[in-house]
Amino acid sequence: MEMKVIENRENKIFRRREILIEASYDEKTPSREAVKEAVCKKLNLDPDSTLIVKISQLSGSKKSSIKVQSYSDKEGMKSFEKKRGEKKVAGPKATATA
């Protein structure tokens, strides 16, 4: 998967980085877990405090627009992301046991 950072801005109010990425790939749209792993590796982010907010498939192509939020720490992410739902914050393993 190839990734190009389109926008990378600091949101000081929420103590997070808001990143917009365009990704291209050869096969099907990658899962949230695969995208999170690749983004964290490429941008040197902590996976425990990084959230994939949205993956939008660009129509008719093998490209996606990916919105990522990376918080300064895990506790900060949990305090701001309560409304987003436990599945996105905790990941699929946490909801499978619930």
Protein backbone atom coordinates (compact mmCIF):
# COMPACT_ATOMS: atom_id res chain seq x y z
CA MET A 1 0.00 0.00 0.00
CA GLU A 2 1.33 3.40 -0.98
CA MET A 3 0.39 6.40 1.15
CA LYS A 4 0.63 10.12 0.56
CA VAL A 5 -0.03 12.60 3.37
CA ILE A 6 -2.38 15.28 2.05
CA GLU A 7 -2.85 17.24 5.27
CA ASN A 8 -1.22 17.05 8.70
CA ARG A 9 -2.34 19.59 11.25
CA GLU A 10 -2.08 19.99 14.99
CA ASN A 11 -5.32 20.48 16.97
CA LYS A 12 -4.16 21.96 20.26
CA ILE A 13 -7.64 22.07 21.80
CA PHE A 14 -8.06 18.28 21.58
CA ARG A 15 -4.30 17.56 21.91
CA ARG A 16 -4.19 15.53 18.69
CA ARG A 17 -2.85 15.48 15.15
CA GLU A 18 -5.45 15.31 12.39
CA ILE A 19 -4.05 13.63 9.31
CA LEU A 20 -5.59 13.15 5.87
CA ILE A 21 -3.97 10.46 3.75
CA GLU A 22 -4.52 9.23 0.20
CA ALA A 23 -3.69 5.55 -0.13
CA SER A 24 -3.44 3.40 -3.23
CA TYR A 25 -3.34 -0.39 -3.29
CA ASP A 26 -3.47 -3.30 -5.70
CA GLU A 27 -6.15 -5.46 -4.12
CA LYS A 28 -9.31 -4.85 -2.08
CA THR A 29 -9.71 -1.93 0.33
CA PRO A 30 -7.56 -2.73 3.37
CA SER A 31 -9.12 -3.23 6.81
CA ARG A 32 -8.97 -0.60 9.54
CA GLU A 33 -6.39 -2.70 11.38
CA ALA A 34 -4.12 -2.96 8.32
CA VAL A 35 -4.46 0.77 7.62
CA LYS A 36 -3.74 1.66 11.25
CA GLU A 37 -0.64 -0.53 11.29
CA ALA A 38 0.68 0.96 8.04
CA VAL A 39 -0.05 4.57 9.03
CA CYS A 40 1.54 4.19 12.48
CA LYS A 41 4.63 2.61 10.96
CA LYS A 42 5.01 5.23 8.22
CA LEU A 43 4.38 8.28 10.44
CA ASN A 44 5.97 6.88 13.61
CA LEU A 45 2.75 7.12 15.66
CA ASP A 46 1.69 5.21 18.77
CA PRO A 47 -0.97 2.63 17.75
CA ASP A 48 -2.62 2.81 21.19
CA SER A 49 -3.40 6.52 20.78
CA THR A 50 -4.19 6.54 17.06
CA LEU A 51 -7.70 6.26 15.60
CA ILE A 52 -8.74 5.61 12.00
CA VAL A 53 -11.80 7.84 11.77
CA LYS A 54 -12.88 7.15 8.20
CA ILE A 55 -11.81 5.25 5.11
CA SER A 56 -13.52 6.57 1.96
CA GLN A 57 -13.18 4.59 -1.25
CA LEU A 58 -12.66 6.89 -4.22
CA SER A 59 -15.15 5.77 -6.84
CA GLY A 60 -13.83 3.68 -9.73
CA SER A 61 -10.26 3.46 -8.51
CA LYS A 62 -8.05 1.55 -6.13
CA LYS A 63 -7.53 4.58 -3.93
CA SER A 64 -8.93 5.63 -0.58
CA SER A 65 -9.01 8.80 1.41
CA ILE A 66 -8.19 8.05 5.07
CA LYS A 67 -8.85 10.35 8.01
CA VAL A 68 -6.62 9.67 11.04
CA GLN A 69 -6.48 11.21 14.50
CA SER A 70 -3.43 10.67 16.69
CA TYR A 71 -3.66 11.80 20.30
CA SER A 72 -0.78 12.75 22.59
CA ASP A 73 -1.65 9.82 24.87
CA LYS A 74 -4.15 6.96 25.23
CA GLU A 75 -6.03 8.58 28.13
CA GLY A 76 -6.56 11.74 26.08
CA MET A 77 -8.00 9.69 23.25
CA LYS A 78 -10.44 7.88 25.53
CA SER A 79 -11.63 11.12 27.14
CA PHE A 80 -12.40 12.78 23.79
CA GLU A 81 -13.65 9.74 21.88
CA LYS A 82 -16.38 8.46 24.22
CA LYS A 83 -19.15 9.36 21.76
CA ARG A 84 -17.48 7.70 18.77
CA GLY A 85 -18.12 4.23 20.12
CA GLU A 86 -16.05 1.57 21.78
CA LYS A 87 -15.47 -0.41 18.57
CA LYS A 88 -13.38 2.31 16.90
CA VAL A 89 -11.56 3.34 20.08
CA ALA A 90 -10.82 -0.09 21.54
CA GLY A 91 -10.62 -2.06 18.31
CA PRO A 92 -12.37 -5.26 17.20
CA LYS A 93 -10.84 -7.49 19.89
CA ALA A 94 -12.45 -5.52 22.72
CA THR A 95 -15.94 -5.68 21.22
CA ALA A 96 -15.68 -9.38 20.43
CA THR A 97 -15.47 -10.20 24.14
CA ALA A 98 -18.38 -7.94 25.08
